[in-house]
Amino acid sequence: MSWTTKQNKVFEDALATFDKERPDCWQNLARAVGGKTVDEVKCHYQKLVQDIDHIEAGKIPLPAYGSFSDYKKMTDDQEQRLKSLKI
């Protein structure tokens, strides 16, 4: 099932705010996004991790927009989000 831009944004924001140590983390993420099951949320998360791994490994070229400092801040924020996940 596809994800809308809005659902993806809510998902990413929820990843940054929910306590990953709680056993109901996936249920909370699914509830926050709306219209997605726990399994769909888990799958979406795994795809996000794979995408970030590919970007960090240099397998995906970086887009040519914004400044390097904007990019660096964005990737640092994403890295912090992923490191905070204990899933």
PDB file of N, CA and C in Angstrom:
ATOM      1  N   MET A   1       0.852  -1.178   0.000  1.00  0.00           N
ATOM      2  CA  MET A   1       0.000   0.000   0.000  1.00  0.00           C
ATOM      3  C   MET A   1       0.896   1.239   0.000  1.00  0.00           C
ATOM      4  N   SER A   2       0.547   2.225  -0.775  1.00  0.00           N
ATOM      5  CA  SER A   2       1.367   3.426  -0.877  1.00  0.00           C
ATOM      6  C   SER A   2       1.116   4.376   0.295  1.00  0.00           C
ATOM      7  N   TRP A   3       2.083   5.230   0.511  1.00  0.00           N
ATOM      8  CA  TRP A   3       2.021   6.221   1.583  1.00  0.00           C
ATOM      9  C   TRP A   3       1.917   7.601   0.968  1.00  0.00           C
ATOM     10  N   THR A   4       1.033   8.413   1.511  1.00  0.00           N
ATOM     11  CA  THR A   4       0.936   9.791   1.042  1.00  0.00           C
ATOM     12  C   THR A   4       2.087  10.596   1.647  1.00  0.00           C
ATOM     13  N   THR A   5       2.329  11.758   1.081  1.00  0.00           N
ATOM     14  CA  THR A   5       3.356  12.649   1.619  1.00  0.00           C
ATOM     15  C   THR A   5       3.031  13.017   3.057  1.00  0.00           C
ATOM     16  N   LYS A   6       1.769  13.267   3.319  1.00  0.00           N
ATOM     17  CA  LYS A   6       1.343  13.629   4.681  1.00  0.00           C
ATOM     18  C   LYS A   6       1.577  12.472   5.656  1.00  0.00           C
ATOM     19  N   GLN A   7       1.211  11.257   5.271  1.00  0.00           N
ATOM     20  CA  GLN A   7       1.420  10.104   6.143  1.00  0.00           C
ATOM     21  C   GLN A   7       2.912   9.906   6.425  1.00  0.00           C
ATOM     22  N   ASN A   8       3.726  10.078   5.405  1.00  0.00           N
ATOM     23  CA  ASN A   8       5.161   9.913   5.579  1.00  0.00           C
ATOM     24  C   ASN A   8       5.721  10.953   6.543  1.00  0.00           C
ATOM     25  N   LYS A   9       5.273  12.189   6.435  1.00  0.00           N
ATOM     26  CA  LYS A   9       5.722  13.253   7.330  1.00  0.00           C
ATOM     27  C   LYS A   9       5.285  12.963   8.762  1.00  0.00           C
ATOM     28  N   VAL A  10       4.042  12.539   8.942  1.00  0.00           N
ATOM     29  CA  VAL A  10       3.551  12.202  10.279  1.00  0.00           C
ATOM     30  C   VAL A  10       4.365  11.041  10.846  1.00  0.00           C
ATOM     31  N   PHE A  11       4.652  10.060  10.014  1.00  0.00           N
ATOM     32  CA  PHE A  11       5.457   8.912  10.432  1.00  0.00           C
ATOM     33  C   PHE A  11       6.834   9.359  10.914  1.00  0.00           C
ATOM     34  N   GLU A  12       7.507  10.187  10.133  1.00  0.00           N
ATOM     35  CA  GLU A  12       8.845  10.650  10.505  1.00  0.00           C
ATOM     36  C   GLU A  12       8.811  11.493  11.783  1.00  0.00           C
ATOM     37  N   ASP A  13       7.821  12.343  11.901  1.00  0.00           N
ATOM     38  CA  ASP A  13       7.691  13.147  13.120  1.00  0.00           C
ATOM     39  C   ASP A  13       7.421  12.256  14.336  1.00  0.00           C
ATOM     40  N   ALA A  14       6.575  11.256  14.148  1.00  0.00           N
ATOM     41  CA  ALA A  14       6.251  10.348  15.248  1.00  0.00           C
ATOM     42  C   ALA A  14       7.475   9.537  15.669  1.00  0.00           C
ATOM     43  N   LEU A  15       8.298   9.146  14.707  1.00  0.00           N
ATOM     44  CA  LEU A  15       9.526   8.428  15.042  1.00  0.00           C
ATOM     45  C   LEU A  15      10.397   9.236  15.994  1.00  0.00           C
ATOM     46  N   ALA A  16      10.399  10.532  15.785  1.00  0.00           N
ATOM     47  CA  ALA A  16      11.241  11.409  16.606  1.00  0.00           C
ATOM     48  C   ALA A  16      10.648  11.670  17.992  1.00  0.00           C
ATOM     49  N   THR A  17       9.363  11.412  18.162  1.00  0.00           N
ATOM     50  CA  THR A  17       8.728  11.782  19.428  1.00  0.00           C
ATOM     51  C   THR A  17       8.349  10.607  20.324  1.00  0.00           C
ATOM     52  N   PHE A  18       8.053   9.457  19.745  1.00  0.00           N
ATOM     53  CA  PHE A  18       7.617   8.330  20.568  1.00  0.00           C
ATOM     54  C   PHE A  18       8.787   7.671  21.275  1.00  0.00           C
ATOM     55  N   ASP A  19       8.536   7.175  22.466  1.00  0.00           N
ATOM     56  CA  ASP A  19       9.521   6.447  23.244  1.00  0.00           C
ATOM     57  C   ASP A  19       9.692   5.062  22.634  1.00  0.00           C
ATOM     58  N   LYS A  20      10.849   4.839  22.066  1.00  0.00           N
ATOM     59  CA  LYS A  20      11.107   3.581  21.366  1.00  0.00           C
ATOM     60  C   LYS A  20      11.264   2.395  22.312  1.00  0.00           C
ATOM     61  N   GLU A  21      11.400   2.663  23.586  1.00  0.00           N
ATOM     62  CA  GLU A  21      11.550   1.594  24.578  1.00  0.00           C
ATOM     63  C   GLU A  21      10.214   0.966  24.969  1.00  0.00           C
ATOM     64  N   ARG A  22       9.150   1.656  24.669  1.00  0.00           N
ATOM     65  CA  ARG A  22       7.829   1.149  25.053  1.00  0.00           C
ATOM     66  C   ARG A  22       7.417  -0.003  24.133  1.00  0.00           C
ATOM     67  N   PRO A  23       6.796  -1.013  24.713  1.00  0.00           N
ATOM     68  CA  PRO A  23       6.384  -2.154  23.887  1.00  0.00           C
ATOM     69  C   PRO A  23       5.282  -1.802  22.883  1.00  0.00           C
ATOM     70  N   ASP A  24       4.583  -0.693  23.101  1.00  0.00           N
ATOM     71  CA  ASP A  24       3.506  -0.319  22.191  1.00  0.00           C
ATOM     72  C   ASP A  24       3.945   0.719  21.151  1.00  0.00           C
ATOM     73  N   CYS A  25       5.244   0.826  20.929  1.00  0.00           N
ATOM     74  CA  CYS A  25       5.777   1.820  20.001  1.00  0.00           C
ATOM     75  C   CYS A  25       5.160   1.688  18.608  1.00  0.00           C
ATOM     76  N   TRP A  26       5.140   0.473  18.061  1.00  0.00           N
ATOM     77  CA  TRP A  26       4.619   0.276  16.700  1.00  0.00           C
ATOM     78  C   TRP A  26       3.132   0.608  16.624  1.00  0.00           C
ATOM     79  N   GLN A  27       2.391   0.240  17.657  1.00  0.00           N
ATOM     80  CA  GLN A  27       0.969   0.564  17.682  1.00  0.00           C
ATOM     81  C   GLN A  27       0.772   2.079  17.721  1.00  0.00           C
ATOM     82  N   ASN A  28       1.593   2.760  18.512  1.00  0.00           N
ATOM     83  CA  ASN A  28       1.500   4.220  18.580  1.00  0.00           C
ATOM     84  C   ASN A  28       1.829   4.869  17.237  1.00  0.00           C
ATOM     85  N   LEU A  29       2.841   4.355  16.564  1.00  0.00           N
ATOM     86  CA  LEU A  29       3.195   4.888  15.245  1.00  0.00           C
ATOM     87  C   LEU A  29       2.056   4.676  14.254  1.00  0.00           C
ATOM     88  N   ALA A  30       1.488   3.465  14.248  1.00  0.00           N
ATOM     89  CA  ALA A  30       0.382   3.180  13.329  1.00  0.00           C
ATOM     90  C   ALA A  30      -0.812   4.073  13.620  1.00  0.00           C
ATOM     91  N   ARG A  31      -1.115   4.268  14.887  1.00  0.00           N
ATOM     92  CA  ARG A  31      -2.234   5.126  15.278  1.00  0.00           C
ATOM     93  C   ARG A  31      -1.981   6.576  14.862  1.00  0.00           C
ATOM     94  N   ALA A  32      -0.745   7.037  15.042  1.00  0.00           N
ATOM     95  CA  ALA A  32      -0.408   8.421  14.690  1.00  0.00           C
ATOM     96  C   ALA A  32      -0.548   8.659  13.192  1.00  0.00           C
ATOM     97  N   VAL A  33      -0.090   7.701  12.396  1.00  0.00           N
ATOM     98  CA  VAL A  33      -0.150   7.852  10.940  1.00  0.00           C
ATOM     99  C   VAL A  33      -1.593   7.757  10.462  1.00  0.00           C
ATOM    100  N   GLY A  34      -2.320   6.803  10.991  1.00  0.00           N
ATOM    101  CA  GLY A  34      -3.707   6.600  10.570  1.00  0.00           C
ATOM    102  C   GLY A  34      -3.795   5.852   9.261  1.00  0.00           C
ATOM    103  N   GLY A  35      -4.657   4.888   9.207  1.00  0.00           N
ATOM    104  CA  GLY A  35      -4.881   4.128   7.978  1.00  0.00           C
ATOM    105  C   GLY A  35      -3.783   3.129   7.655  1.00  0.00           C
ATOM    106  N   LYS A  36      -2.885   2.861   8.606  1.00  0.00           N
ATOM    107  CA  LYS A  36      -1.804   1.896   8.411  1.00  0.00           C
ATOM    108  C   LYS A  36      -1.811   0.888   9.542  1.00  0.00           C
ATOM    109  N   THR A  37      -1.469  -0.348   9.202  1.00  0.00           N
ATOM    110  CA  THR A  37      -1.371  -1.387  10.210  1.00  0.00           C
ATOM    111  C   THR A  37       0.018  -1.354  10.844  1.00  0.00           C
ATOM    112  N   VAL A  38       0.164  -2.077  11.934  1.00  0.00           N
ATOM    113  CA  VAL A  38       1.465  -2.184  12.591  1.00  0.00           C
ATOM    114  C   VAL A  38       2.480  -2.783  11.625  1.00  0.00           C
ATOM    115  N   ASP A  39       2.089  -3.810  10.886  1.00  0.00           N
ATOM    116  CA  ASP A  39       3.008  -4.429   9.925  1.00  0.00           C
ATOM    117  C   ASP A  39       3.423  -3.452   8.822  1.00  0.00           C
ATOM    118  N   GLU A  40       2.493  -2.634   8.355  1.00  0.00           N
ATOM    119  CA  GLU A  40       2.833  -1.645   7.325  1.00  0.00           C
ATOM    120  C   GLU A  40       3.820  -0.606   7.870  1.00  0.00           C
ATOM    121  N   VAL A  41       3.634  -0.215   9.117  1.00  0.00           N
ATOM    122  CA  VAL A  41       4.538   0.756   9.740  1.00  0.00           C
ATOM    123  C   VAL A  41       5.931   0.144   9.905  1.00  0.00           C
ATOM    124  N   LYS A  42       5.997  -1.096  10.355  1.00  0.00           N
ATOM    125  CA  LYS A  42       7.290  -1.770  10.500  1.00  0.00           C
ATOM    126  C   LYS A  42       8.003  -1.873   9.149  1.00  0.00           C
ATOM    127  N   CYS A  43       7.279  -2.246   8.125  1.00  0.00           N
ATOM    128  CA  CYS A  43       7.849  -2.369   6.780  1.00  0.00           C
ATOM    129  C   CYS A  43       8.354  -1.012   6.286  1.00  0.00           C
ATOM    130  N   HIS A  44       7.572   0.029   6.517  1.00  0.00           N
ATOM    131  CA  HIS A  44       7.950   1.374   6.090  1.00  0.00           C
ATOM    132  C   HIS A  44       9.224   1.817   6.812  1.00  0.00           C
ATOM    133  N   TYR A  45       9.320   1.485   8.072  1.00  0.00           N
ATOM    134  CA  TYR A  45      10.512   1.810   8.852  1.00  0.00           C
ATOM    135  C   TYR A  45      11.738   1.092   8.273  1.00  0.00           C
ATOM    136  N   GLN A  46      11.588  -0.183   7.973  1.00  0.00           N
ATOM    137  CA  GLN A  46      12.710  -0.946   7.413  1.00  0.00           C
ATOM    138  C   GLN A  46      13.170  -0.353   6.077  1.00  0.00           C
ATOM    139  N   LYS A  47      12.225   0.095   5.254  1.00  0.00           N
ATOM    140  CA  LYS A  47      12.587   0.736   3.984  1.00  0.00           C
ATOM    141  C   LYS A  47      13.336   2.043   4.228  1.00  0.00           C
ATOM    142  N   LEU A  48      12.921   2.788   5.232  1.00  0.00           N
ATOM    143  CA  LEU A  48      13.604   4.028   5.586  1.00  0.00           C
ATOM    144  C   LEU A  48      15.044   3.745   6.009  1.00  0.00           C
ATOM    145  N   VAL A  49      15.227   2.734   6.838  1.00  0.00           N
ATOM    146  CA  VAL A  49      16.571   2.361   7.283  1.00  0.00           C
ATOM    147  C   VAL A  49      17.426   1.946   6.086  1.00  0.00           C
ATOM    148  N   GLN A  50      16.867   1.160   5.176  1.00  0.00           N
ATOM    149  CA  GLN A  50      17.602   0.740   3.975  1.00  0.00           C
ATOM    150  C   GLN A  50      17.995   1.942   3.127  1.00  0.00           C
ATOM    151  N   ASP A  51      17.066   2.874   2.943  1.00  0.00           N
ATOM    152  CA  ASP A  51      17.366   4.074   2.161  1.00  0.00           C
ATOM    153  C   ASP A  51      18.513   4.863   2.785  1.00  0.00           C
ATOM    154  N   ILE A  52      18.470   5.029   4.081  1.00  0.00           N
ATOM    155  CA  ILE A  52      19.533   5.775   4.762  1.00  0.00           C
ATOM    156  C   ILE A  52      20.858   5.036   4.653  1.00  0.00           C
ATOM    157  N   ASP A  53      20.827   3.719   4.797  1.00  0.00           N
ATOM    158  CA  ASP A  53      22.052   2.928   4.627  1.00  0.00           C
ATOM    159  C   ASP A  53      22.638   3.114   3.233  1.00  0.00           C
ATOM    160  N   HIS A  54      21.782   3.100   2.216  1.00  0.00           N
ATOM    161  CA  HIS A  54      22.257   3.288   0.839  1.00  0.00           C
ATOM    162  C   HIS A  54      22.826   4.690   0.627  1.00  0.00           C
ATOM    163  N   ILE A  55      22.183   5.675   1.193  1.00  0.00           N
ATOM    164  CA  ILE A  55      22.672   7.047   1.063  1.00  0.00           C
ATOM    165  C   ILE A  55      24.040   7.165   1.739  1.00  0.00           C
ATOM    166  N   GLU A  56      24.147   6.657   2.949  1.00  0.00           N
ATOM    167  CA  GLU A  56      25.409   6.745   3.682  1.00  0.00           C
ATOM    168  C   GLU A  56      26.519   5.952   3.014  1.00  0.00           C
ATOM    169  N   ALA A  57      26.176   4.879   2.312  1.00  0.00           N
ATOM    170  CA  ALA A  57      27.170   4.071   1.618  1.00  0.00           C
ATOM    171  C   ALA A  57      27.535   4.670   0.258  1.00  0.00           C
ATOM    172  N   GLY A  58      26.887   5.772  -0.114  1.00  0.00           N
ATOM    173  CA  GLY A  58      27.180   6.424  -1.386  1.00  0.00           C
ATOM    174  C   GLY A  58      26.543   5.745  -2.583  1.00  0.00           C
ATOM    175  N   LYS A  59      25.574   4.878  -2.357  1.00  0.00           N
ATOM    176  CA  LYS A  59      24.912   4.169  -3.453  1.00  0.00           C
ATOM    177  C   LYS A  59      23.847   5.012  -4.135  1.00  0.00           C
ATOM    178  N   ILE A  60      23.424   6.073  -3.467  1.00  0.00           N
ATOM    179  CA  ILE A  60      22.417   6.969  -4.029  1.00  0.00           C
ATOM    180  C   ILE A  60      23.040   8.357  -4.082  1.00  0.00           C
ATOM    181  N   PRO A  61      23.098   8.967  -5.277  1.00  0.00           N
ATOM    182  CA  PRO A  61      23.700  10.301  -5.355  1.00  0.00           C
ATOM    183  C   PRO A  61      22.849  11.333  -4.627  1.00  0.00           C
ATOM    184  N   LEU A  62      23.526  12.284  -4.022  1.00  0.00           N
ATOM    185  CA  LEU A  62      22.820  13.347  -3.321  1.00  0.00           C
ATOM    186  C   LEU A  62      22.203  14.317  -4.310  1.00  0.00           C
ATOM    187  N   PRO A  63      21.021  14.836  -3.986  1.00  0.00           N
ATOM    188  CA  PRO A  63      20.396  15.817  -4.871  1.00  0.00           C
ATOM    189  C   PRO A  63      21.184  17.123  -4.852  1.00  0.00           C
ATOM    190  N   ALA A  64      21.102  17.851  -5.938  1.00  0.00           N
ATOM    191  CA  ALA A  64      21.846  19.107  -6.060  1.00  0.00           C
ATOM    192  C   ALA A  64      20.946  20.284  -5.707  1.00  0.00           C
ATOM    193  N   TYR A  65      20.598  20.412  -4.440  1.00  0.00           N
ATOM    194  CA  TYR A  65      19.812  21.551  -3.987  1.00  0.00           C
ATOM    195  C   TYR A  65      20.234  21.925  -2.578  1.00  0.00           C
ATOM    196  N   GLY A  66      20.024  23.171  -2.238  1.00  0.00           N
ATOM    197  CA  GLY A  66      20.382  23.651  -0.908  1.00  0.00           C
ATOM    198  C   GLY A  66      21.879  23.730  -0.727  1.00  0.00           C
ATOM    199  N   SER A  67      22.277  24.176   0.427  1.00  0.00           N
ATOM    200  CA  SER A  67      23.694  24.287   0.729  1.00  0.00           C
ATOM    201  C   SER A  67      24.156  23.040   1.469  1.00  0.00           C
ATOM    202  N   PHE A  68      25.456  22.873   1.545  1.00  0.00           N
ATOM    203  CA  PHE A  68      26.000  21.732   2.265  1.00  0.00           C
ATOM    204  C   PHE A  68      25.613  21.787   3.740  1.00  0.00           C
ATOM    205  N   SER A  69      25.608  22.975   4.312  1.00  0.00           N
ATOM    206  CA  SER A  69      25.252  23.075   5.731  1.00  0.00           C
ATOM    207  C   SER A  69      23.805  22.650   5.961  1.00  0.00           C
ATOM    208  N   ASP A  70      22.918  22.974   5.006  1.00  0.00           N
ATOM    209  CA  ASP A  70      21.527  22.515   5.122  1.00  0.00           C
ATOM    210  C   ASP A  70      21.470  20.986   5.050  1.00  0.00           C
ATOM    211  N   TYR A  71      22.226  20.416   4.112  1.00  0.00           N
ATOM    212  CA  TYR A  71      22.251  18.966   3.956  1.00  0.00           C
ATOM    213  C   TYR A  71      22.828  18.310   5.204  1.00  0.00           C
ATOM    214  N   LYS A  72      23.933  18.853   5.700  1.00  0.00           N
ATOM    215  CA  LYS A  72      24.587  18.277   6.870  1.00  0.00           C
ATOM    216  C   LYS A  72      23.644  18.286   8.069  1.00  0.00           C
ATOM    217  N   LYS A  73      22.949  19.385   8.289  1.00  0.00           N
ATOM    218  CA  LYS A  73      21.999  19.456   9.399  1.00  0.00           C
ATOM    219  C   LYS A  73      20.896  18.422   9.217  1.00  0.00           C
ATOM    220  N   MET A  74      20.395  18.296   7.983  1.00  0.00           N
ATOM    221  CA  MET A  74      19.323  17.348   7.706  1.00  0.00           C
ATOM    222  C   MET A  74      19.803  15.923   7.990  1.00  0.00           C
ATOM    223  N   THR A  75      20.985  15.553   7.498  1.00  0.00           N
ATOM    224  CA  THR A  75      21.452  14.185   7.701  1.00  0.00           C
ATOM    225  C   THR A  75      21.808  13.936   9.161  1.00  0.00           C
ATOM    226  N   ASP A  76      22.332  14.933   9.866  1.00  0.00           N
ATOM    227  CA  ASP A  76      22.607  14.772  11.288  1.00  0.00           C
ATOM    228  C   ASP A  76      21.318  14.524  12.059  1.00  0.00           C
ATOM    229  N   ASP A  77      20.260  15.273  11.712  1.00  0.00           N
ATOM    230  CA  ASP A  77      18.964  15.080  12.363  1.00  0.00           C
ATOM    231  C   ASP A  77      18.422  13.681  12.101  1.00  0.00           C
ATOM    232  N   GLN A  78      18.529  13.224  10.850  1.00  0.00           N
ATOM    233  CA  GLN A  78      18.044  11.891  10.503  1.00  0.00           C
ATOM    234  C   GLN A  78      18.852  10.823  11.230  1.00  0.00           C
ATOM    235  N   GLU A  79      20.151  11.018  11.291  1.00  0.00           N
ATOM    236  CA  GLU A  79      21.000  10.053  11.973  1.00  0.00           C
ATOM    237  C   GLU A  79      20.643   9.968  13.450  1.00  0.00           C
ATOM    238  N   GLN A  80      20.395  11.111  14.075  1.00  0.00           N
ATOM    239  CA  GLN A  80      20.008  11.122  15.481  1.00  0.00           C
ATOM    240  C   GLN A  80      18.680  10.403  15.687  1.00  0.00           C
ATOM    241  N   ARG A  81      17.751  10.593  14.764  1.00  0.00           N
ATOM    242  CA  ARG A  81      16.459   9.897  14.883  1.00  0.00           C
ATOM    243  C   ARG A  81      16.656   8.398  14.858  1.00  0.00           C
ATOM    244  N   LEU A  82      17.465   7.938  13.895  1.00  0.00           N
ATOM    245  CA  LEU A  82      17.668   6.508  13.769  1.00  0.00           C
ATOM    246  C   LEU A  82      18.436   5.935  14.950  1.00  0.00           C
ATOM    247  N   LYS A  83      19.423   6.666  15.442  1.00  0.00           N
ATOM    248  CA  LYS A  83      20.181   6.178  16.597  1.00  0.00           C
ATOM    249  C   LYS A  83      19.314   6.110  17.844  1.00  0.00           C
ATOM    250  N   SER A  84      18.306   6.978  17.915  1.00  0.00           N
ATOM    251  CA  SER A  84      17.448   6.974  19.106  1.00  0.00           C
ATOM    252  C   SER A  84      16.472   5.803  19.107  1.00  0.00           C
ATOM    253  N   LEU A  85      16.335   5.144  17.952  1.00  0.00           N
ATOM    254  CA  LEU A  85      15.409   4.014  17.876  1.00  0.00           C
ATOM    255  C   LEU A  85      16.073   2.764  18.426  1.00  0.00           C
ATOM    256  N   LYS A  86      15.428   2.134  19.326  1.00  0.00           N
ATOM    257  CA  LYS A  86      15.943   0.906  19.919  1.00  0.00           C
ATOM    258  C   LYS A  86      15.004  -0.232  19.555  1.00  0.00           C
ATOM    259  N   ILE A  87      14.717  -0.308  18.248  1.00  0.00           N
ATOM    260  CA  ILE A  87      13.721  -1.287  17.783  1.00  0.00           C
ATOM    261  C   ILE A  87      14.441  -2.446  17.138  1.00  0.00           C
TER     262      ILE A  87
END
